[in-house]
Protein backbone atom coordinates (compact mmCIF):
# COMPACT_ATOMS: atom_id res chain seq x y z
CA UNK A 1 -20.16 11.87 2.68
CA UNK A 2 -16.42 12.05 3.38
CA UNK A 3 -14.94 8.64 4.05
CA UNK A 4 -18.02 6.66 3.10
CA UNK A 5 -17.22 4.30 0.24
CA UNK A 6 -20.55 2.51 0.40
CA UNK A 7 -22.39 5.78 -0.16
CA UNK A 8 -23.66 6.47 -3.61
CA UNK A 9 -26.27 3.77 -3.86
CA UNK A 10 -26.79 0.36 -5.26
CA UNK A 11 -24.01 -0.16 -7.77
CA UNK A 12 -21.16 0.56 -5.33
CA UNK A 13 -22.76 -1.62 -2.67
CA UNK A 14 -23.28 -4.45 -5.16
CA UNK A 15 -19.64 -4.30 -6.30
CA UNK A 16 -18.46 -4.38 -2.67
CA UNK A 17 -20.70 -7.32 -1.85
CA UNK A 18 -19.42 -9.20 -4.89
CA UNK A 19 -15.80 -8.71 -3.81
CA UNK A 20 -16.69 -9.75 -0.27
CA UNK A 21 -18.44 -12.91 -1.49
CA UNK A 22 -15.44 -13.79 -3.67
CA UNK A 23 -12.99 -13.51 -0.78
CA UNK A 24 -15.32 -15.41 1.54
CA UNK A 25 -15.42 -18.31 -0.92
CA UNK A 26 -11.64 -18.31 -1.24
CA UNK A 27 -11.33 -18.43 2.55
CA UNK A 28 -13.82 -21.30 2.80
CA UNK A 29 -16.52 -19.39 4.67
CA UNK A 30 -19.94 -21.04 4.89
CA UNK A 31 -23.22 -19.16 4.68
CA UNK A 32 -23.92 -17.47 7.99
CA UNK A 33 -20.25 -17.61 9.02
CA UNK A 34 -18.76 -14.12 9.38
CA UNK A 35 -15.52 -13.10 7.72
CA UNK A 36 -13.78 -11.67 10.77
CA UNK A 37 -11.34 -8.81 10.14
CA UNK A 38 -9.40 -7.44 13.10
CA UNK A 39 -7.03 -4.49 13.22
CA UNK A 40 -4.29 -4.75 15.86
CA UNK A 41 -3.26 -1.29 17.03
CA UNK A 42 -5.10 2.02 17.16
CA UNK A 43 -2.60 4.36 15.51
CA UNK A 44 -3.47 6.70 12.66
CA UNK A 45 -2.89 4.45 9.66
CA UNK A 46 -4.10 1.27 11.35
CA UNK A 47 -7.33 2.97 12.45
CA UNK A 48 -7.90 4.68 9.10
CA UNK A 49 -7.26 1.43 7.22
CA UNK A 50 -9.84 -0.43 9.31
CA UNK A 51 -12.25 2.46 8.85
CA UNK A 52 -11.84 2.10 5.06
CA UNK A 53 -12.86 -1.55 5.37
CA UNK A 54 -15.74 -0.71 7.69
CA UNK A 55 -17.04 1.88 5.24
CA UNK A 56 -16.72 -0.52 2.32
CA UNK A 57 -18.02 -3.75 3.86
CA UNK A 58 -19.56 -2.89 7.22
CA UNK A 59 -23.11 -2.71 5.90
CA UNK A 60 -22.97 -6.46 5.11
CA UNK A 61 -23.28 -7.40 8.77
CA UNK A 62 -24.31 -10.97 8.06
CA UNK A 63 -21.14 -11.58 6.04
CA UNK A 64 -18.33 -9.50 7.53
CA UNK A 65 -17.24 -8.02 10.83
CA UNK A 66 -14.52 -5.37 11.23
CA UNK A 67 -13.06 -4.72 14.68
CA UNK A 68 -10.03 -2.94 16.11
CA UNK A 69 -7.98 -3.87 19.15
CA UNK A 70 -6.16 -1.22 21.10
CA UNK A 71 -4.81 -1.11 24.61
CA UNK A 72 -7.18 0.32 27.22
CA UNK A 73 -6.42 3.08 29.69
CA UNK A 74 -4.78 5.73 27.49
CA UNK A 75 -6.28 9.00 28.74
CA UNK A 76 -7.01 11.96 26.47
CA UNK A 77 -5.52 15.10 28.03
CA UNK A 78 -7.71 18.16 28.42
CA UNK A 79 -6.02 20.18 25.67
CA UNK A 80 -6.67 17.37 23.17
CA UNK A 81 -10.25 17.03 24.45
CA UNK A 82 -10.81 20.74 23.85
CA UNK A 83 -9.44 20.47 20.32
CA UNK A 84 -11.55 17.40 19.67
CA UNK A 85 -14.63 19.32 20.75
CA UNK A 86 -13.79 22.05 18.22
CA UNK A 87 -13.43 19.43 15.47
CA UNK A 88 -16.79 17.89 16.36
CA UNK A 89 -18.59 21.22 16.26
CA UNK A 90 -17.01 22.18 12.93
CA UNK A 91 -18.50 19.11 11.24
CA UNK A 92 -22.30 18.98 11.12
CA UNK A 93 -22.35 15.32 10.06
CA UNK A 94 -20.17 14.34 13.02
CA UNK A 95 -22.13 16.49 15.43
CA UNK A 96 -25.44 14.92 14.35
CA UNK A 97 -23.95 11.44 14.56
CA UNK A 98 -22.81 11.93 18.16
CA UNK A 99 -26.14 13.41 19.17
CA UNK A 100 -27.95 10.41 17.66
CA UNK A 101 -25.62 8.07 19.56
CA UNK A 102 -26.19 10.05 22.80
CA UNK A 103 -22.42 10.56 22.94
CA UNK A 104 -22.12 14.33 22.52
CA UNK A 105 -22.49 15.25 26.18
CA UNK A 106 -19.35 13.42 27.25
CA UNK A 107 -17.27 15.59 24.87
CA UNK A 108 -18.84 18.71 26.40
CA UNK A 109 -17.90 17.44 29.86
CA UNK A 110 -14.36 16.58 28.73
CA UNK A 111 -13.91 20.08 27.33
CA UNK A 112 -14.97 21.53 30.66
CA UNK A 113 -12.58 19.24 32.53
CA UNK A 114 -15.42 17.39 34.24
CA UNK A 115 -14.69 14.06 32.60
CA UNK A 116 -11.69 12.08 31.33
CA UNK A 117 -11.97 10.48 27.91
CA UNK A 118 -9.96 7.44 26.87
CA UNK A 119 -8.41 6.59 23.51
CA UNK A 120 -10.36 3.35 23.07
CA UNK A 121 -13.57 5.17 24.00
CA UNK A 122 -13.19 7.91 21.39
CA UNK A 123 -12.11 5.37 18.74
CA UNK A 124 -15.53 3.75 19.12
CA UNK A 125 -16.98 7.13 18.18
CA UNK A 126 -14.64 7.48 15.21
CA UNK A 127 -11.73 9.55 16.59
CA UNK A 128 -8.10 8.42 16.57
CA UNK A 129 -5.95 9.99 19.27
CA UNK A 130 -3.07 10.40 16.79
CA UNK A 131 -5.31 12.00 14.14
CA UNK A 132 -8.03 13.98 15.91
CA UNK A 133 -8.53 16.40 13.00
CA UNK A 134 -9.86 13.59 10.80
CA UNK A 135 -13.05 11.99 12.11
CA UNK A 136 -13.48 8.36 11.03
CA UNK A 137 -16.58 6.22 10.97
CA UNK A 138 -17.51 4.63 14.33
CA UNK A 139 -15.51 1.44 14.92
CA UNK A 140 -16.05 -1.68 16.96
CA UNK A 141 -13.22 -1.55 19.48
CA UNK A 142 -12.05 -4.46 21.63
CA UNK A 143 -9.55 -3.96 24.45
CA UNK A 144 -9.05 -7.66 25.24
CA UNK A 145 -6.43 -8.97 22.81
CA UNK A 146 -7.40 -12.62 23.09
CA UNK A 147 -11.06 -11.85 22.43
CA UNK A 148 -10.10 -9.75 19.41
CA UNK A 149 -7.85 -12.19 17.57
CA UNK A 150 -8.59 -15.77 18.59
CA UNK A 151 -10.95 -16.52 15.68
CA UNK A 152 -9.91 -13.73 13.26
CA UNK A 153 -9.68 -14.61 9.57
CA UNK A 154 -7.76 -11.49 8.52
CA UNK A 155 -5.53 -9.56 10.92
CA UNK A 156 -4.26 -6.07 10.09
CA UNK A 157 -1.00 -5.24 11.85
CA UNK A 158 -1.25 -1.51 12.53
CA UNK A 159 1.40 -1.52 15.26
CA UNK A 160 4.77 0.24 15.03
CA UNK A 161 7.55 -2.20 14.15
CA UNK A 162 8.98 -1.63 17.64
CA UNK A 163 5.85 -3.14 19.21
CA UNK A 164 5.09 -5.86 16.67
CA UNK A 165 7.22 -8.63 18.18
CA UNK A 166 5.85 -8.23 21.70
CA UNK A 167 2.16 -8.07 20.78
CA UNK A 168 2.28 -10.87 18.22
CA UNK A 169 4.22 -12.98 20.70
CA UNK A 170 1.18 -12.77 22.94
CA UNK A 171 -1.14 -13.44 20.01
CA UNK A 172 0.88 -16.53 19.14
CA UNK A 173 -0.04 -18.07 22.48
CA UNK A 174 -3.74 -17.68 21.65
CA UNK A 175 -3.32 -19.33 18.25
CA UNK A 176 -1.57 -22.50 19.37
CA UNK A 177 -4.70 -24.59 18.89
CA UNK A 178 -5.72 -23.08 15.57
CA UNK A 179 -6.09 -25.53 12.69
CA UNK A 180 -6.18 -22.96 9.89
CA UNK A 181 -3.81 -19.98 10.17
CA UNK A 182 -5.22 -16.50 9.54
CA UNK A 183 -4.09 -14.14 6.80
CA UNK A 184 -2.10 -11.19 8.13
CA UNK A 185 -1.59 -7.84 6.40
CA UNK A 186 1.22 -5.85 7.98
CA UNK A 187 1.29 -2.05 7.67
CA UNK A 188 4.40 -1.74 9.86
CA UNK A 189 7.46 0.06 8.48
CA UNK A 190 10.76 -0.64 10.17
CA UNK A 191 13.21 -3.42 10.98
CA UNK A 192 15.16 -4.89 13.85
CA UNK A 193 18.87 -5.66 13.55
CA UNK A 194 20.44 -8.78 15.00
CA UNK A 195 24.26 -8.87 15.11
CA UNK A 196 24.85 -12.29 16.70
CA UNK A 197 25.65 -14.88 15.52
CA UNK A 198 25.73 -13.12 12.13
CA UNK A 199 24.48 -9.66 11.11
CA UNK A 200 20.93 -9.89 9.80
CA UNK A 201 17.72 -7.91 9.60
CA UNK A 202 14.35 -8.97 10.92
CA UNK A 203 11.37 -7.39 9.16
CA UNK A 204 7.89 -7.07 10.71
CA UNK A 205 6.53 -9.94 8.59
CA UNK A 206 9.38 -12.14 9.83
CA UNK A 207 8.73 -11.02 13.43
CA UNK A 208 5.08 -12.00 13.05
CA UNK A 209 5.88 -15.40 11.54
CA UNK A 210 8.50 -16.15 14.20
CA UNK A 211 6.17 -15.10 17.01
CA UNK A 212 3.02 -16.87 15.83
CA UNK A 213 4.11 -19.77 13.64
CA UNK A 214 1.91 -18.44 10.82
CA UNK A 215 3.67 -19.35 7.53
CA UNK A 216 5.14 -16.43 5.58
CA UNK A 217 2.88 -17.24 2.62
CA UNK A 218 -0.01 -16.04 4.80
CA UNK A 219 1.69 -12.78 5.81
CA UNK A 220 1.73 -9.80 3.47
CA UNK A 221 2.98 -6.22 3.56
CA UNK A 222 0.97 -3.27 2.29
CA UNK A 223 2.72 -0.01 1.54
CA UNK A 224 2.41 3.01 -0.68
CA UNK A 225 2.11 6.80 -0.67
CA UNK A 226 -0.32 6.71 2.23
CA UNK A 227 -0.97 9.71 4.47
CA UNK A 228 -3.77 8.28 6.61
CA UNK A 229 -5.93 11.39 6.95
CA UNK A 230 -5.74 12.18 3.24
CA UNK A 231 -6.66 8.68 2.15
CA UNK A 232 -9.62 8.56 4.48
CA UNK A 233 -10.74 11.92 3.09
CA UNK A 234 -10.71 10.39 -0.41
CA UNK A 235 -7.50 11.85 -1.77
CA UNK A 236 -6.54 9.57 -4.67
CA UNK A 237 -3.80 7.09 -3.73
CA UNK A 238 -2.27 3.80 -4.75
CA UNK A 239 -0.43 1.08 -2.90
CA UNK A 240 1.03 -2.38 -3.31
CA UNK A 241 0.31 -5.50 -1.34
CA UNK A 242 3.37 -7.73 -1.39
CA UNK A 243 3.91 -11.37 -0.59
CA UNK A 244 3.35 -14.89 -1.83
CA UNK A 245 1.07 -15.72 -4.78
CA UNK A 246 -1.55 -17.43 -2.64
CA UNK A 247 -3.17 -14.32 -1.17
CA UNK A 248 -1.80 -11.14 -2.70
CA UNK A 249 -4.00 -10.98 -5.81
CA UNK A 250 -7.27 -11.81 -4.00
CA UNK A 251 -6.47 -9.27 -1.29
CA UNK A 252 -5.46 -6.59 -3.78
CA UNK A 253 -8.88 -6.93 -5.39
CA UNK A 254 -10.65 -6.95 -2.03
CA UNK A 255 -8.86 -3.85 -0.73
CA UNK A 256 -9.18 -1.80 -3.91
CA UNK A 257 -11.52 1.18 -3.73
CA UNK A 258 -12.34 3.80 -6.40
CA UNK A 259 -9.68 6.18 -5.10
CA UNK A 260 -7.43 3.71 -3.26
CA UNK A 261 -5.93 1.52 -5.96
CA UNK A 262 -4.08 -1.55 -4.68
CA UNK A 263 -1.70 -3.45 -6.95
CA UNK A 264 0.15 -6.65 -6.03
CA UNK A 265 3.86 -7.46 -6.13
CA UNK A 266 5.96 -10.49 -5.22
CA UNK A 267 9.00 -8.57 -3.89
CA UNK A 268 8.11 -8.47 -0.21
CA UNK A 269 11.65 -7.78 1.01
CA UNK A 270 12.38 -4.67 -1.07
CA UNK A 271 9.04 -3.07 -0.27
CA UNK A 272 9.22 -3.85 3.44
CA UNK A 273 12.84 -2.65 3.72
CA UNK A 274 12.08 0.49 1.73
CA UNK A 275 9.20 1.10 4.11
CA UNK A 276 11.72 1.28 6.94
CA UNK A 277 14.34 3.23 5.02
CA UNK A 278 12.00 5.99 3.92
CA UNK A 279 11.24 6.82 7.56
CA UNK A 280 14.96 7.22 8.22
CA UNK A 281 15.53 9.62 5.36
CA UNK A 282 12.28 11.49 6.03
CA UNK A 283 13.71 12.70 9.34
CA UNK A 284 16.66 14.17 7.45
CA UNK A 285 14.32 15.66 4.85
CA UNK A 286 12.44 17.48 7.58
CA UNK A 287 15.70 18.85 8.96
CA UNK A 288 16.83 20.06 5.54
CA UNK A 289 13.47 21.72 4.90
CA UNK A 290 13.55 23.58 8.21
CA UNK A 291 17.22 24.57 8.01
CA UNK A 292 16.97 25.93 4.46
CA UNK A 293 13.61 27.66 4.83
CA UNK A 294 11.97 25.12 2.51
CA UNK A 295 14.53 25.59 -0.25
CA UNK A 296 13.30 23.52 -3.20
CA UNK A 297 16.85 23.20 -4.49
CA UNK A 298 18.26 21.89 -1.21
CA UNK A 299 15.39 19.46 -0.77
CA UNK A 300 15.91 18.18 -4.31
CA UNK A 301 19.63 17.64 -3.72
CA UNK A 302 18.80 15.75 -0.54
CA UNK A 303 16.20 13.65 -2.39
CA UNK A 304 18.68 12.57 -5.08
CA UNK A 305 21.31 11.60 -2.50
CA UNK A 306 19.05 9.79 -0.07
CA UNK A 307 17.31 7.76 -2.77
CA UNK A 308 20.68 6.61 -4.08
CA UNK A 309 21.53 5.38 -0.57
CA UNK A 310 18.22 3.55 -0.38
CA UNK A 311 18.85 1.83 -3.72
CA UNK A 312 22.34 0.85 -2.61
CA UNK A 313 21.06 -0.67 0.63
CA UNK A 314 18.33 -2.70 -1.05
CA UNK A 315 20.94 -4.30 -3.33
CA UNK A 316 22.58 -5.71 -0.20
CA UNK A 317 19.31 -7.32 0.82
CA UNK A 318 17.81 -8.60 -2.42
CA UNK A 319 19.45 -10.25 -5.40
CA UNK A 320 17.24 -8.43 -7.89
CA UNK A 321 15.39 -5.70 -5.96
CA UNK A 322 12.35 -3.93 -7.31
CA UNK A 323 13.37 -0.62 -8.88
CA UNK A 324 12.66 2.56 -6.92
CA UNK A 325 9.72 3.56 -9.11
CA UNK A 326 5.93 3.67 -9.04
CA UNK A 327 4.41 3.30 -5.56
CA UNK A 328 7.84 2.61 -4.03
CA UNK A 329 9.16 5.96 -5.20
CA UNK A 330 5.87 7.70 -4.44
CA UNK A 331 5.86 6.28 -0.91
CA UNK A 332 9.33 7.70 -0.35
CA UNK A 333 8.37 11.05 -1.86
CA UNK A 334 5.20 11.58 0.17
CA UNK A 335 6.89 10.50 3.42
CA UNK A 336 9.71 12.98 2.84
CA UNK A 337 7.11 15.66 2.12
CA UNK A 338 4.56 15.18 4.87
CA UNK A 339 5.00 12.08 7.02
CA UNK A 340 5.31 12.17 10.79
CA UNK A 341 9.05 11.44 10.50
CA UNK A 342 9.58 14.52 8.32
CA UNK A 343 7.52 16.53 10.80
CA UNK A 344 9.76 15.23 13.61
CA UNK A 345 12.92 16.25 11.74
CA UNK A 346 11.51 19.74 11.18
CA UNK A 347 10.60 20.17 14.85
CA UNK A 348 14.06 19.02 15.96
CA UNK A 349 15.80 21.43 13.59
CA UNK A 350 13.60 24.32 14.75
CA UNK A 351 14.24 23.49 18.41
CA UNK A 352 10.55 22.84 19.07
CA UNK A 353 11.30 19.25 20.08
CA UNK A 354 14.37 17.72 21.71
CA UNK A 355 15.83 14.23 21.52
CA UNK A 356 15.32 13.90 25.26
CA UNK A 357 11.56 13.81 24.64
CA UNK A 358 11.95 10.37 23.08
CA UNK A 359 10.46 8.97 19.89
CA UNK A 360 6.82 8.66 21.03
CA UNK A 361 5.19 12.05 20.51
CA UNK A 362 1.74 13.07 21.71
CA UNK A 363 -0.67 13.39 18.83
CA UNK A 364 1.72 11.68 16.40
CA UNK A 365 2.53 8.30 17.89
CA UNK A 366 5.86 6.54 17.43
CA UNK A 367 8.48 8.14 15.18
CA UNK A 368 9.64 4.87 13.66
CA UNK A 369 12.57 6.37 11.77
CA UNK A 370 14.60 6.78 14.97
CA UNK A 371 14.79 3.06 15.77
CA UNK A 372 15.32 2.33 12.07
CA UNK A 373 18.37 4.63 11.98
CA UNK A 374 19.89 2.65 14.85
CA UNK A 375 19.07 -0.73 13.32
CA UNK A 376 20.36 -0.02 9.81
CA UNK A 377 23.51 1.72 11.06
CA UNK A 378 24.42 -1.12 13.41
CA UNK A 379 23.79 -3.64 10.68
CA UNK A 380 25.67 -1.90 7.87
CA UNK A 381 28.67 -0.99 10.02
CA UNK A 382 29.69 -4.65 10.35
CA UNK A 383 33.04 -5.34 8.68
CA UNK A 384 31.91 -8.86 7.75
CA UNK A 385 29.65 -7.26 5.13
CA UNK A 386 32.45 -5.24 3.53
CA UNK A 387 32.16 -3.91 -0.02
CA UNK A 388 34.72 -2.37 -2.34
CA UNK A 389 34.87 1.42 -2.16
CA UNK A 390 34.58 2.73 -5.74
CA UNK A 391 37.28 5.39 -5.29
CA UNK A 392 39.92 4.00 -2.92
CA UNK A 393 39.35 0.40 -4.09
CA UNK A 394 39.53 -0.91 -0.53
CA UNK A 395 37.08 -2.97 1.45
CA UNK A 396 34.90 -0.88 3.75
CA UNK A 397 31.77 -1.48 5.81
CA UNK A 398 28.67 -0.70 3.70
CA UNK A 399 27.70 2.23 5.93
CA UNK A 400 30.80 4.12 4.77
CA UNK A 401 29.01 4.64 1.46
CA UNK A 402 25.93 6.06 3.20
CA UNK A 403 26.95 9.53 4.46
CA UNK A 404 23.39 10.65 5.23
CA UNK A 405 22.66 7.53 7.29
CA UNK A 406 25.94 8.02 9.17
CA UNK A 407 25.11 11.65 9.92
CA UNK A 408 21.59 10.86 11.13
CA UNK A 409 23.03 8.19 13.42
CA UNK A 410 25.44 10.72 14.94
CA UNK A 411 22.63 13.27 15.38
CA UNK A 412 19.80 11.05 16.63
CA UNK A 413 21.48 8.11 18.34
CA UNK A 414 24.98 9.15 19.43
CA UNK A 415 23.96 12.82 19.80
CA UNK A 416 27.43 13.91 18.77
CA UNK A 417 26.30 16.36 16.09
CA UNK A 418 23.75 19.16 15.84
CA UNK A 419 20.89 18.94 13.37
CA UNK A 420 22.54 21.40 10.97
CA UNK A 421 25.21 18.76 10.32
CA UNK A 422 22.78 17.20 7.88
CA UNK A 423 23.51 20.10 5.51
CA UNK A 424 27.23 19.32 5.56
CA UNK A 425 26.41 15.72 4.70
CA UNK A 426 24.77 16.80 1.44
CA UNK A 427 27.13 19.67 0.62
CA UNK A 428 30.45 17.90 1.07
CA UNK A 429 32.72 18.86 -1.84
CA UNK A 430 34.21 15.36 -1.88
CA UNK A 431 30.83 13.70 -2.40
CA UNK A 432 30.50 11.85 -5.67
CA UNK A 433 27.58 11.80 -8.07
CA UNK A 434 24.73 9.65 -6.66
CA UNK A 435 24.61 7.93 -10.04
CA UNK A 436 27.95 6.32 -9.17
CA UNK A 437 26.52 4.73 -6.04
CA UNK A 438 23.59 3.35 -8.02
CA UNK A 439 25.85 2.05 -10.77
CA UNK A 440 28.14 0.47 -8.19
CA UNK A 441 25.21 -1.32 -6.58
CA UNK A 442 24.25 -2.72 -9.96
CA UNK A 443 27.80 -3.47 -11.09
CA UNK A 444 29.13 -5.09 -7.92
CA UNK A 445 27.60 -8.23 -6.52
CA UNK A 446 26.42 -6.61 -3.28
CA UNK A 447 23.73 -9.14 -2.38
CA UNK A 448 24.29 -10.62 1.09
CA UNK A 449 21.69 -13.37 1.63
CA UNK A 450 22.95 -13.83 5.19
CA UNK A 451 21.37 -10.45 6.00
CA UNK A 452 17.99 -12.13 5.70
CA UNK A 453 19.06 -15.29 7.49
CA UNK A 454 19.51 -17.18 4.21
CA UNK A 455 22.39 -19.56 3.39
CA UNK A 456 25.64 -17.93 2.33
CA UNK A 457 26.69 -17.86 -1.30
CA UNK A 458 30.05 -17.14 -2.85
CA UNK A 459 30.35 -13.43 -3.50
CA UNK A 460 33.07 -12.02 -5.76
CA UNK A 461 33.70 -8.32 -5.57
CA UNK A 462 33.83 -6.62 -8.95
């Protein structure tokens, strides 16, 4: 059955139970005490990720509990209800499941316009509002945030980065009396920029730690080439879970499935920052694809230039950043190919969406690359972070060496340029070989620890 990892009989179930028992022991769980896993946020990837865990471990009801929190009250419009009805009737397994649960009739009524469905209601039946074409397993959904998280052992942050601070600020109030902090796995991709008193970035894991008081050693980031619907439908994928030694290896083992391979890595900053950067450049990739009629050559040129900018930026933020290879490179590649940010860029370039519609799109959720463009541009335009320009040998703000980022800022944020300006950004005759930008980032001492709120060090420009 699609999406069911526990299917296939005894051996798979025994392996899953063994991994569950191992993690329970590490977390100090007594017999009869549930390992409580809670997803915060009901978007596509957050819902699919929790559904993976439910499929893998949900049958062990005396040992583990998987639940998802999402806000109540989000109505499903009639057009979406009609499409959802078509999806249900195209899948015999889903149709039979709803009939057994006595839930089919409400979808008939919604299609006829006689009933309003709600996002939390359909998620209980296994349908994510941002991914209606991919039925999930039924999920336990809680709409009261305090009830969902107060005794959770593992919390999955499936919120957009733009909502993470607010929601975890509320969660922090519920955890004030906790003796043992939970373990948090963040799926969020994006950053905030703070200019005063000094320019610095704030990543989702930092937002969570600041809001809740949970130590950073208990907060991890998971990223990789992950298109939610494809992973849930058993397309082979890999990912990395990044963070401190204490939890990343046990969690990598716990999360690993036969076709979802999870490795572990200590470089949290590079992976989390790259997670935000790839959404930025995916918007441009979508524009280039639409404007050039899917020209493979143009898309390849764009890929080489945007990845060199990403490498350059990570050298400002980490003293020895992880190389753009393996899952990091794959995550960038798949997002530029098919992520929601690339889709958004295509729709803008084709005139099927406008900037006035905002960055929260029905059926897709939040387009996180838009806020990331603003944050990274504001941060890297600060003169206090100046670097030496390789050609003119003068100090310039780091953003001056990121022509694609500058162009996207002028298109998406300032709205001074049309979408076709992205082509000029990659076709400029004065543009130098992207290899030079990469070599400069490795040759010059670009690292600015103050960007992460760390103490300043003496930096000598090469």
